[in-house]
PDB file of N, CA and C in Angstrom:
ATOM      1  N   MET A   1      46.284 -87.133 159.945  1.00  0.00           N
ATOM      2  CA  MET A   1      46.529 -85.787 160.416  1.00  0.00           C
ATOM      3  C   MET A   1      47.466 -85.852 161.616  1.00  0.00           C
ATOM      4  N   LYS A   2      48.371 -84.930 161.675  1.00  0.00           N
ATOM      5  CA  LYS A   2      49.306 -84.887 162.788  1.00  0.00           C
ATOM      6  C   LYS A   2      48.669 -84.114 163.946  1.00  0.00           C
ATOM      7  N   THR A   3      48.429 -84.810 165.029  1.00  0.00           N
ATOM      8  CA  THR A   3      47.777 -84.185 166.181  1.00  0.00           C
ATOM      9  C   THR A   3      48.679 -84.140 167.405  1.00  0.00           C
ATOM     10  N   LYS A   4      49.932 -84.487 167.232  1.00  0.00           N
ATOM     11  CA  LYS A   4      50.844 -84.562 168.365  1.00  0.00           C
ATOM     12  C   LYS A   4      51.047 -83.197 169.034  1.00  0.00           C
ATOM     13  N   GLN A   5      51.033 -82.124 168.281  1.00  0.00           N
ATOM     14  CA  GLN A   5      51.331 -80.801 168.809  1.00  0.00           C
ATOM     15  C   GLN A   5      50.121 -80.074 169.373  1.00  0.00           C
ATOM     16  N   ILE A   6      48.937 -80.612 169.230  1.00  0.00           N
ATOM     17  CA  ILE A   6      47.726 -79.903 169.639  1.00  0.00           C
ATOM     18  C   ILE A   6      47.717 -79.542 171.124  1.00  0.00           C
ATOM     19  N   PRO A   7      48.032 -80.455 172.047  1.00  0.00           N
ATOM     20  CA  PRO A   7      48.010 -80.061 173.467  1.00  0.00           C
ATOM     21  C   PRO A   7      48.969 -78.920 173.788  1.00  0.00           C
ATOM     22  N   ALA A   8      50.162 -78.961 173.206  1.00  0.00           N
ATOM     23  CA  ALA A   8      51.140 -77.906 173.470  1.00  0.00           C
ATOM     24  C   ALA A   8      50.683 -76.559 172.908  1.00  0.00           C
ATOM     25  N   VAL A   9      50.120 -76.579 171.718  1.00  0.00           N
ATOM     26  CA  VAL A   9      49.666 -75.332 171.089  1.00  0.00           C
ATOM     27  C   VAL A   9      48.516 -74.715 171.889  1.00  0.00           C
ATOM     28  N   VAL A  10      47.563 -75.549 172.300  1.00  0.00           N
ATOM     29  CA  VAL A  10      46.431 -75.051 173.081  1.00  0.00           C
ATOM     30  C   VAL A  10      46.924 -74.475 174.407  1.00  0.00           C
ATOM     31  N   MET A  11      47.836 -75.179 175.062  1.00  0.00           N
ATOM     32  CA  MET A  11      48.358 -74.734 176.353  1.00  0.00           C
ATOM     33  C   MET A  11      49.116 -73.418 176.213  1.00  0.00           C
ATOM     34  N   LEU A  12      49.977 -73.312 175.217  1.00  0.00           N
ATOM     35  CA  LEU A  12      50.758 -72.090 175.050  1.00  0.00           C
ATOM     36  C   LEU A  12      49.896 -70.903 174.651  1.00  0.00           C
ATOM     37  N   LEU A  13      48.883 -71.146 173.842  1.00  0.00           N
ATOM     38  CA  LEU A  13      47.974 -70.068 173.466  1.00  0.00           C
ATOM     39  C   LEU A  13      47.213 -69.551 174.686  1.00  0.00           C
ATOM     40  N   ALA A  14      46.750 -70.458 175.532  1.00  0.00           N
ATOM     41  CA  ALA A  14      46.047 -70.054 176.758  1.00  0.00           C
ATOM     42  C   ALA A  14      46.995 -69.312 177.696  1.00  0.00           C
ATOM     43  N   GLY A  15      48.234 -69.761 177.799  1.00  0.00           N
ATOM     44  CA  GLY A  15      49.221 -69.074 178.628  1.00  0.00           C
ATOM     45  C   GLY A  15      49.506 -67.678 178.124  1.00  0.00           C
ATOM     46  N   PHE A  16      49.584 -67.525 176.802  1.00  0.00           N
ATOM     47  CA  PHE A  16      49.820 -66.207 176.226  1.00  0.00           C
ATOM     48  C   PHE A  16      48.671 -65.249 176.536  1.00  0.00           C
ATOM     49  N   VAL A  17      47.451 -65.729 176.371  1.00  0.00           N
ATOM     50  CA  VAL A  17      46.273 -64.895 176.672  1.00  0.00           C
ATOM     51  C   VAL A  17      46.254 -64.532 178.153  1.00  0.00           C
ATOM     52  N   THR A  18      46.609 -65.481 179.014  1.00  0.00           N
ATOM     53  CA  THR A  18      46.646 -65.217 180.454  1.00  0.00           C
ATOM     54  C   THR A  18      47.676 -64.148 180.771  1.00  0.00           C
ATOM     55  N   CYS A  19      48.825 -64.207 180.147  1.00  0.00           N
ATOM     56  CA  CYS A  19      49.866 -63.202 180.379  1.00  0.00           C
ATOM     57  C   CYS A  19      49.405 -61.809 179.961  1.00  0.00           C
ATOM     58  N   ILE A  20      48.779 -61.728 178.811  1.00  0.00           N
ATOM     59  CA  ILE A  20      48.299 -60.424 178.320  1.00  0.00           C
ATOM     60  C   ILE A  20      47.257 -59.843 179.283  1.00  0.00           C
ATOM     61  N   VAL A  21      46.309 -60.678 179.697  1.00  0.00           N
ATOM     62  CA  VAL A  21      45.259 -60.215 180.612  1.00  0.00           C
ATOM     63  C   VAL A  21      45.878 -59.781 181.942  1.00  0.00           C
ATOM     64  N   ALA A  22      46.842 -60.541 182.446  1.00  0.00           N
ATOM     65  CA  ALA A  22      47.473 -60.220 183.731  1.00  0.00           C
ATOM     66  C   ALA A  22      48.241 -58.902 183.658  1.00  0.00           C
ATOM     67  N   ILE A  23      48.877 -58.653 182.534  1.00  0.00           N
ATOM     68  CA  ILE A  23      49.623 -57.397 182.370  1.00  0.00           C
ATOM     69  C   ILE A  23      48.667 -56.216 182.395  1.00  0.00           C
ATOM     70  N   PHE A  24      47.555 -56.301 181.675  1.00  0.00           N
ATOM     71  CA  PHE A  24      46.607 -55.196 181.628  1.00  0.00           C
ATOM     72  C   PHE A  24      45.900 -54.978 182.955  1.00  0.00           C
ATOM     73  N   GLN A  25      45.698 -56.038 183.737  1.00  0.00           N
ATOM     74  CA  GLN A  25      45.021 -55.899 185.023  1.00  0.00           C
ATOM     75  C   GLN A  25      45.984 -55.593 186.156  1.00  0.00           C
ATOM     76  N   GLY A  26      47.269 -55.719 185.948  1.00  0.00           N
ATOM     77  CA  GLY A  26      48.262 -55.415 186.972  1.00  0.00           C
ATOM     78  C   GLY A  26      48.223 -56.393 188.142  1.00  0.00           C
ATOM     79  N   ILE A  27      48.114 -57.665 187.867  1.00  0.00           N
ATOM     80  CA  ILE A  27      48.048 -58.696 188.911  1.00  0.00           C
ATOM     81  C   ILE A  27      49.433 -58.875 189.527  1.00  0.00           C
ATOM     82  N   GLU A  28      49.466 -59.129 190.852  1.00  0.00           N
ATOM     83  CA  GLU A  28      50.736 -59.351 191.546  1.00  0.00           C
ATOM     84  C   GLU A  28      51.401 -60.623 191.033  1.00  0.00           C
ATOM     85  N   LEU A  29      52.725 -60.694 191.165  1.00  0.00           N
ATOM     86  CA  LEU A  29      53.507 -61.783 190.588  1.00  0.00           C
ATOM     87  C   LEU A  29      53.128 -63.152 191.161  1.00  0.00           C
ATOM     88  N   GLY A  30      53.032 -63.261 192.475  1.00  0.00           N
ATOM     89  CA  GLY A  30      52.714 -64.551 193.094  1.00  0.00           C
ATOM     90  C   GLY A  30      51.359 -65.073 192.661  1.00  0.00           C
ATOM     91  N   ARG A  31      50.371 -64.199 192.679  1.00  0.00           N
ATOM     92  CA  ARG A  31      49.027 -64.593 192.249  1.00  0.00           C
ATOM     93  C   ARG A  31      49.014 -64.943 190.773  1.00  0.00           C
ATOM     94  N   PHE A  32      49.752 -64.165 189.974  1.00  0.00           N
ATOM     95  CA  PHE A  32      49.815 -64.427 188.533  1.00  0.00           C
ATOM     96  C   PHE A  32      50.423 -65.796 188.254  1.00  0.00           C
ATOM     97  N   LEU A  33      51.485 -66.159 188.953  1.00  0.00           N
ATOM     98  CA  LEU A  33      52.135 -67.447 188.714  1.00  0.00           C
ATOM     99  C   LEU A  33      51.221 -68.616 189.063  1.00  0.00           C
ATOM    100  N   ARG A  34      50.462 -68.493 190.150  1.00  0.00           N
ATOM    101  CA  ARG A  34      49.511 -69.557 190.495  1.00  0.00           C
ATOM    102  C   ARG A  34      48.424 -69.685 189.428  1.00  0.00           C
ATOM    103  N   ILE A  35      47.901 -68.554 188.998  1.00  0.00           N
ATOM    104  CA  ILE A  35      46.871 -68.570 187.952  1.00  0.00           C
ATOM    105  C   ILE A  35      47.431 -69.167 186.664  1.00  0.00           C
ATOM    106  N   LEU A  36      48.639 -68.740 186.292  1.00  0.00           N
ATOM    107  CA  LEU A  36      49.264 -69.245 185.062  1.00  0.00           C
ATOM    108  C   LEU A  36      49.484 -70.752 185.133  1.00  0.00           C
ATOM    109  N   LEU A  37      49.949 -71.242 186.273  1.00  0.00           N
ATOM    110  CA  LEU A  37      50.168 -72.673 186.427  1.00  0.00           C
ATOM    111  C   LEU A  37      48.863 -73.452 186.270  1.00  0.00           C
ATOM    112  N   LEU A  38      47.802 -72.973 186.912  1.00  0.00           N
ATOM    113  CA  LEU A  38      46.505 -73.646 186.799  1.00  0.00           C
ATOM    114  C   LEU A  38      45.968 -73.602 185.368  1.00  0.00           C
ATOM    115  N   VAL A  39      46.134 -72.472 184.717  1.00  0.00           N
ATOM    116  CA  VAL A  39      45.669 -72.340 183.335  1.00  0.00           C
ATOM    117  C   VAL A  39      46.443 -73.286 182.421  1.00  0.00           C
ATOM    118  N   LEU A  40      47.760 -73.341 182.575  1.00  0.00           N
ATOM    119  CA  LEU A  40      48.571 -74.216 181.725  1.00  0.00           C
ATOM    120  C   LEU A  40      48.211 -75.682 181.927  1.00  0.00           C
ATOM    121  N   ILE A  41      48.037 -76.100 183.167  1.00  0.00           N
ATOM    122  CA  ILE A  41      47.665 -77.492 183.433  1.00  0.00           C
ATOM    123  C   ILE A  41      46.282 -77.796 182.872  1.00  0.00           C
ATOM    124  N   GLY A  42      45.332 -76.905 183.130  1.00  0.00           N
ATOM    125  CA  GLY A  42      43.962 -77.117 182.657  1.00  0.00           C
ATOM    126  C   GLY A  42      43.866 -77.196 181.147  1.00  0.00           C
ATOM    127  N   PHE A  43      44.542 -76.301 180.470  1.00  0.00           N
ATOM    128  CA  PHE A  43      44.461 -76.299 179.015  1.00  0.00           C
ATOM    129  C   PHE A  43      45.306 -77.393 178.384  1.00  0.00           C
ATOM    130  N   TYR A  44      46.347 -77.867 179.069  1.00  0.00           N
ATOM    131  CA  TYR A  44      47.083 -79.021 178.559  1.00  0.00           C
ATOM    132  C   TYR A  44      46.185 -80.256 178.587  1.00  0.00           C
ATOM    133  N   VAL A  45      45.462 -80.420 179.686  1.00  0.00           N
ATOM    134  CA  VAL A  45      44.545 -81.560 179.802  1.00  0.00           C
ATOM    135  C   VAL A  45      43.452 -81.455 178.745  1.00  0.00           C
ATOM    136  N   SER A  46      42.891 -80.260 178.570  1.00  0.00           N
ATOM    137  CA  SER A  46      41.844 -80.105 177.555  1.00  0.00           C
ATOM    138  C   SER A  46      42.410 -80.318 176.144  1.00  0.00           C
ATOM    139  N   GLY A  47      43.653 -79.926 175.908  1.00  0.00           N
ATOM    140  CA  GLY A  47      44.293 -80.182 174.617  1.00  0.00           C
ATOM    141  C   GLY A  47      44.480 -81.666 174.367  1.00  0.00           C
ATOM    142  N   CYS A  48      44.804 -82.413 175.423  1.00  0.00           N
ATOM    143  CA  CYS A  48      44.937 -83.872 175.293  1.00  0.00           C
ATOM    144  C   CYS A  48      43.591 -84.508 174.961  1.00  0.00           C
ATOM    145  N   VAL A  49      42.533 -84.011 175.577  1.00  0.00           N
ATOM    146  CA  VAL A  49      41.190 -84.525 175.288  1.00  0.00           C
ATOM    147  C   VAL A  49      40.821 -84.231 173.832  1.00  0.00           C
ATOM    148  N   ILE A  50      41.110 -83.026 173.380  1.00  0.00           N
ATOM    149  CA  ILE A  50      40.837 -82.652 171.988  1.00  0.00           C
ATOM    150  C   ILE A  50      41.627 -83.556 171.042  1.00  0.00           C
ATOM    151  N   LYS A  51      42.890 -83.818 171.374  1.00  0.00           N
ATOM    152  CA  LYS A  51      43.738 -84.682 170.543  1.00  0.00           C
ATOM    153  C   LYS A  51      43.144 -86.080 170.436  1.00  0.00           C
ATOM    154  N   VAL A  52      42.701 -86.637 171.551  1.00  0.00           N
ATOM    155  CA  VAL A  52      42.127 -87.984 171.539  1.00  0.00           C
ATOM    156  C   VAL A  52      40.861 -88.015 170.683  1.00  0.00           C
ATOM    157  N   ILE A  53      40.024 -87.005 170.829  1.00  0.00           N
ATOM    158  CA  ILE A  53      38.779 -86.939 170.041  1.00  0.00           C
ATOM    159  C   ILE A  53      39.099 -86.847 168.548  1.00  0.00           C
ATOM    160  N   LEU A  54      40.051 -85.983 168.192  1.00  0.00           N
ATOM    161  CA  LEU A  54      40.418 -85.850 166.780  1.00  0.00           C
ATOM    162  C   LEU A  54      41.026 -87.136 166.233  1.00  0.00           C
ATOM    163  N   ASP A  55      41.882 -87.784 167.027  1.00  0.00           N
ATOM    164  CA  ASP A  55      42.481 -89.043 166.575  1.00  0.00           C
ATOM    165  C   ASP A  55      41.417 -90.093 166.301  1.00  0.00           C
ATOM    166  N   LYS A  56      40.442 -90.216 167.196  1.00  0.00           N
ATOM    167  CA  LYS A  56      39.385 -91.208 167.005  1.00  0.00           C
ATOM    168  C   LYS A  56      38.542 -90.882 165.779  1.00  0.00           C
ATOM    169  N   ASN A  57      38.192 -89.607 165.615  1.00  0.00           N
ATOM    170  CA  ASN A  57      37.352 -89.225 164.485  1.00  0.00           C
ATOM    171  C   ASN A  57      38.077 -89.393 163.156  1.00  0.00           C
ATOM    172  N   PHE A  58      39.346 -89.012 163.089  1.00  0.00           N
ATOM    173  CA  PHE A  58      40.081 -89.159 161.840  1.00  0.00           C
ATOM    174  C   PHE A  58      40.341 -90.625 161.532  1.00  0.00           C
ATOM    175  N   LYS A  59      40.549 -91.442 162.553  1.00  0.00           N
ATOM    176  CA  LYS A  59      40.736 -92.868 162.323  1.00  0.00           C
ATOM    177  C   LYS A  59      39.460 -93.482 161.761  1.00  0.00           C
ATOM    178  N   ALA A  60      38.314 -93.080 162.321  1.00  0.00           N
ATOM    179  CA  ALA A  60      37.033 -93.581 161.819  1.00  0.00           C
ATOM    180  C   ALA A  60      36.786 -93.095 160.389  1.00  0.00           C
ATOM    181  N   MET A  61      37.140 -91.847 160.106  1.00  0.00           N
ATOM    182  CA  MET A  61      36.960 -91.318 158.758  1.00  0.00           C
ATOM    183  C   MET A  61      37.837 -92.060 157.761  1.00  0.00           C
ATOM    184  N   GLU A  62      39.082 -92.340 158.136  1.00  0.00           N
ATOM    185  CA  GLU A  62      39.985 -93.048 157.238  1.00  0.00           C
ATOM    186  C   GLU A  62      39.499 -94.468 156.978  1.00  0.00           C
ATOM    187  N   GLU A  63      38.956 -95.115 158.013  1.00  0.00           N
ATOM    188  CA  GLU A  63      38.446 -96.475 157.835  1.00  0.00           C
ATOM    189  C   GLU A  63      37.243 -96.493 156.904  1.00  0.00           C
ATOM    190  N   THR A  64      36.338 -95.513 157.046  1.00  0.00           N
ATOM    191  CA  THR A  64      35.172 -95.481 156.164  1.00  0.00           C
ATOM    192  C   THR A  64      35.584 -95.147 154.735  1.00  0.00           C
ATOM    193  N   GLU A  65      36.591 -94.296 154.572  1.00  0.00           N
ATOM    194  CA  GLU A  65      37.050 -93.968 153.225  1.00  0.00           C
ATOM    195  C   GLU A  65      37.670 -95.183 152.555  1.00  0.00           C
ATOM    196  N   THR A  66      38.457 -95.947 153.303  1.00  0.00           N
ATOM    197  CA  THR A  66      39.080 -97.127 152.700  1.00  0.00           C
ATOM    198  C   THR A  66      38.042 -98.195 152.410  1.00  0.00           C
ATOM    199  N   GLU A  67      37.010 -98.298 153.241  1.00  0.00           N
ATOM    200  CA  GLU A  67      35.942 -99.262 152.973  1.00  0.00           C
ATOM    201  C   GLU A  67      35.155 -98.866 151.736  1.00  0.00           C
ATOM    202  N   GLU A  68      34.911 -97.575 151.561  1.00  0.00           N
ATOM    203  CA  GLU A  68      34.177 -97.102 150.396  1.00  0.00           C
ATOM    204  C   GLU A  68      35.009 -97.240 149.130  1.00  0.00           C
ATOM    205  N   GLU A  69      36.303 -96.973 149.227  1.00  0.00           N
ATOM    206  CA  GLU A  69      37.167 -97.041 148.056  1.00  0.00           C
ATOM    207  C   GLU A  69      37.581 -98.470 147.742  1.00  0.00           C
ATOM    208  N   GLY A  70      37.524 -99.343 148.709  1.00  0.00           N
ATOM    209  CA  GLY A  70      37.984-100.714 148.554  1.00  0.00           C
ATOM    210  C   GLY A  70      37.389-101.437 147.361  1.00  0.00           C
ATOM    211  N   PRO A  71      36.065-101.578 147.243  1.00  0.00           N
ATOM    212  CA  PRO A  71      35.486-102.310 146.108  1.00  0.00           C
ATOM    213  C   PRO A  71      35.781-101.657 144.766  1.00  0.00           C
ATOM    214  N   GLU A  72      35.777-100.340 144.717  1.00  0.00           N
ATOM    215  CA  GLU A  72      36.052 -99.658 143.463  1.00  0.00           C
ATOM    216  C   GLU A  72      37.481 -99.909 143.011  1.00  0.00           C
ATOM    217  N   GLU A  73      38.421 -99.837 143.950  1.00  0.00           N
ATOM    218  CA  GLU A  73      39.819-100.058 143.603  1.00  0.00           C
ATOM    219  C   GLU A  73      40.045-101.489 143.157  1.00  0.00           C
ATOM    220  N   GLN A  74      39.346-102.429 143.781  1.00  0.00           N
ATOM    221  CA  GLN A  74      39.495-103.824 143.393  1.00  0.00           C
ATOM    222  C   GLN A  74      38.984-104.032 141.977  1.00  0.00           C
ATOM    223  N   GLU A  75      37.854-103.418 141.635  1.00  0.00           N
ATOM    224  CA  GLU A  75      37.311-103.552 140.286  1.00  0.00           C
ATOM    225  C   GLU A  75      38.274-102.956 139.266  1.00  0.00           C
ATOM    226  N   GLU A  76      38.844-101.790 139.597  1.00  0.00           N
ATOM    227  CA  GLU A  76      39.771-101.145 138.686  1.00  0.00           C
ATOM    228  C   GLU A  76      41.019-101.981 138.498  1.00  0.00           C
ATOM    229  N   SER A  77      41.538-102.543 139.590  1.00  0.00           N
ATOM    230  CA  SER A  77      42.751-103.355 139.473  1.00  0.00           C
ATOM    231  C   SER A  77      42.471-104.626 138.685  1.00  0.00           C
ATOM    232  N   GLU A  78      41.273-105.206 138.813  1.00  0.00           N
ATOM    233  CA  GLU A  78      40.923-106.396 138.035  1.00  0.00           C
ATOM    234  C   GLU A  78      40.808-106.041 136.558  1.00  0.00           C
ATOM    235  N   GLU A  79      40.226-104.860 136.268  1.00  0.00           N
ATOM    236  CA  GLU A  79      40.108-104.439 134.883  1.00  0.00           C
ATOM    237  C   GLU A  79      41.487-104.177 134.290  1.00  0.00           C
ATOM    238  N   ASP A  80      42.375-103.541 135.050  1.00  0.00           N
ATOM    239  CA  ASP A  80      43.724-103.269 134.569  1.00  0.00           C
ATOM    240  C   ASP A  80      44.481-104.564 134.338  1.00  0.00           C
ATOM    241  N   GLY A  81      44.295-105.528 135.212  1.00  0.00           N
ATOM    242  CA  GLY A  81      44.969-106.819 135.074  1.00  0.00           C
ATOM    243  C   GLY A  81      44.520-107.556 133.837  1.00  0.00           C
ATOM    244  N   SER A  82      43.217-107.523 133.542  1.00  0.00           N
ATOM    245  CA  SER A  82      42.716-108.213 132.356  1.00  0.00           C
ATOM    246  C   SER A  82      43.160-107.495 131.091  1.00  0.00           C
ATOM    247  N   ALA A  83      43.278-106.182 131.147  1.00  0.00           N
ATOM    248  CA  ALA A  83      43.739-105.426 129.986  1.00  0.00           C
ATOM    249  C   ALA A  83      45.203-105.709 129.714  1.00  0.00           C
ATOM    250  N   GLU A  84      46.005-105.873 130.775  1.00  0.00           N
ATOM    251  CA  GLU A  84      47.406-106.184 130.587  1.00  0.00           C
ATOM    252  C   GLU A  84      47.584-107.574 130.037  1.00  0.00           C
ATOM    253  N   GLU A  85      46.731-108.520 130.460  1.00  0.00           N
ATOM    254  CA  GLU A  85      46.819-109.878 129.972  1.00  0.00           C
ATOM    255  C   GLU A  85      46.509-109.927 128.477  1.00  0.00           C
ATOM    256  N   GLU A  86      45.559-109.100 128.022  1.00  0.00           N
ATOM    257  CA  GLU A  86      45.194-109.083 126.608  1.00  0.00           C
ATOM    258  C   GLU A  86      46.323-108.530 125.765  1.00  0.00           C
ATOM    259  N   LYS A  87      47.084-107.569 126.289  1.00  0.00           N
ATOM    260  CA  LYS A  87      48.200-106.969 125.556  1.00  0.00           C
ATOM    261  C   LYS A  87      49.295-107.985 125.341  1.00  0.00           C
ATOM    262  N   GLU A  88      49.504-108.856 126.292  1.00  0.00           N
ATOM    263  CA  GLU A  88      50.596-109.833 126.189  1.00  0.00           C
ATOM    264  C   GLU A  88      50.199-110.890 125.223  1.00  0.00           C
TER     265      GLU A  88
END
């Protein structure tokens, strides 16, 4: 799974929500910029944490899938090899 974009997407989504809330509440520009900066940094860090967790979980899932499929694929390839030898 491609997880490279997750931190950026999470950060931009949080920034968008912050902008909408600030517009409706009529927050002053200086205060809004400080809040936006903190929100963007915080959610970028949380997006990186989410990315690391997903990478570890998907790597573990892929390893278990290959371990489970490994013996079956070997048996199938051995059967295919013996069938090809008989044809020749």
